């Protein structure tokens, strides 16, 4: 029987998903353009109703051409 916790299993799964999404994005094989997008793990986004950040396991941000955020 495995001694791996459910948290560890979840983290391992998130790591694999993140690496796959990052690879697909880097190869420009995703729905959003690589040069205008970034992938993150455990990034927080402020929620006014909560007055705090909501942490997402994996996020993809895609920016418009005129955005300062574009690489």
Protein backbone atom coordinates (compact mmCIF):
# COMPACT_ATOMS: atom_id res chain seq x y z
CA UNK A 1 0.00 0.00 0.00
CA UNK A 2 1.27 3.45 -0.91
CA UNK A 3 2.14 6.02 1.75
CA UNK A 4 1.54 8.93 -0.64
CA UNK A 5 -0.98 11.41 0.74
CA UNK A 6 -3.88 12.71 -1.30
CA UNK A 7 -2.25 16.15 -1.20
CA UNK A 8 0.94 14.72 -2.69
CA UNK A 9 -1.04 12.89 -5.37
CA UNK A 10 -2.86 16.12 -6.21
CA UNK A 11 0.39 18.11 -6.35
CA UNK A 12 2.02 15.47 -8.56
CA UNK A 13 -0.98 15.54 -10.91
CA UNK A 14 -0.88 19.37 -11.06
CA UNK A 15 2.85 19.21 -11.85
CA UNK A 16 2.21 16.84 -14.76
CA UNK A 17 -0.68 18.92 -16.10
CA UNK A 18 1.36 22.13 -15.80
CA UNK A 19 4.30 20.60 -17.68
CA UNK A 20 2.04 19.28 -20.43
CA UNK A 21 0.25 22.61 -20.88
CA UNK A 22 3.55 24.49 -20.83
CA UNK A 23 5.02 22.15 -23.47
CA UNK A 24 1.95 22.41 -25.69
CA UNK A 25 1.99 26.20 -25.34
CA UNK A 26 5.74 26.40 -26.11
CA UNK A 27 5.20 24.27 -29.23
CA UNK A 28 2.41 26.67 -30.26
CA UNK A 29 -0.04 23.74 -30.40
CA UNK A 30 -2.61 25.27 -28.05
CA UNK A 31 -5.76 27.30 -28.66
CA UNK A 32 -4.06 30.51 -27.57
CA UNK A 33 -0.86 31.92 -29.11
CA UNK A 34 2.39 31.13 -27.28
CA UNK A 35 3.90 34.60 -27.68
CA UNK A 36 0.89 36.23 -26.05
CA UNK A 37 0.30 33.72 -23.26
CA UNK A 38 1.77 32.55 -19.97
CA UNK A 39 0.99 29.57 -17.78
CA UNK A 40 1.16 29.75 -13.97
CA UNK A 41 0.82 27.48 -10.95
CA UNK A 42 -0.85 28.58 -7.75
CA UNK A 43 -1.42 32.15 -8.94
CA UNK A 44 -3.79 34.36 -7.01
CA UNK A 45 -6.36 36.70 -8.51
CA UNK A 46 -8.00 39.34 -6.38
CA UNK A 47 -11.72 38.90 -5.77
CA UNK A 48 -13.51 42.06 -4.64
CA UNK A 49 -16.36 40.11 -3.02
CA UNK A 50 -13.93 38.13 -0.88
CA UNK A 51 -11.51 41.04 -0.43
CA UNK A 52 -8.70 38.54 -0.94
CA UNK A 53 -7.04 36.43 -3.60
CA UNK A 54 -8.49 33.25 -5.03
CA UNK A 55 -5.65 30.84 -5.73
CA UNK A 56 -5.96 28.76 -8.89
CA UNK A 57 -4.01 25.54 -9.33
CA UNK A 58 -3.14 26.24 -12.98
CA UNK A 59 -3.96 29.32 -15.05
CA UNK A 60 -3.24 30.48 -18.56
CA UNK A 61 -3.16 34.21 -19.19
CA UNK A 62 -3.42 35.48 -22.76
CA UNK A 63 -2.88 39.12 -23.61
CA UNK A 64 -3.95 41.45 -26.39
CA UNK A 65 -1.36 42.79 -28.85
CA UNK A 66 -1.32 46.25 -27.27
CA UNK A 67 -0.94 44.98 -23.70
CA UNK A 68 2.16 45.81 -21.65
CA UNK A 69 2.15 42.20 -20.45
CA UNK A 70 2.95 40.65 -23.84
CA UNK A 71 6.44 39.16 -23.93
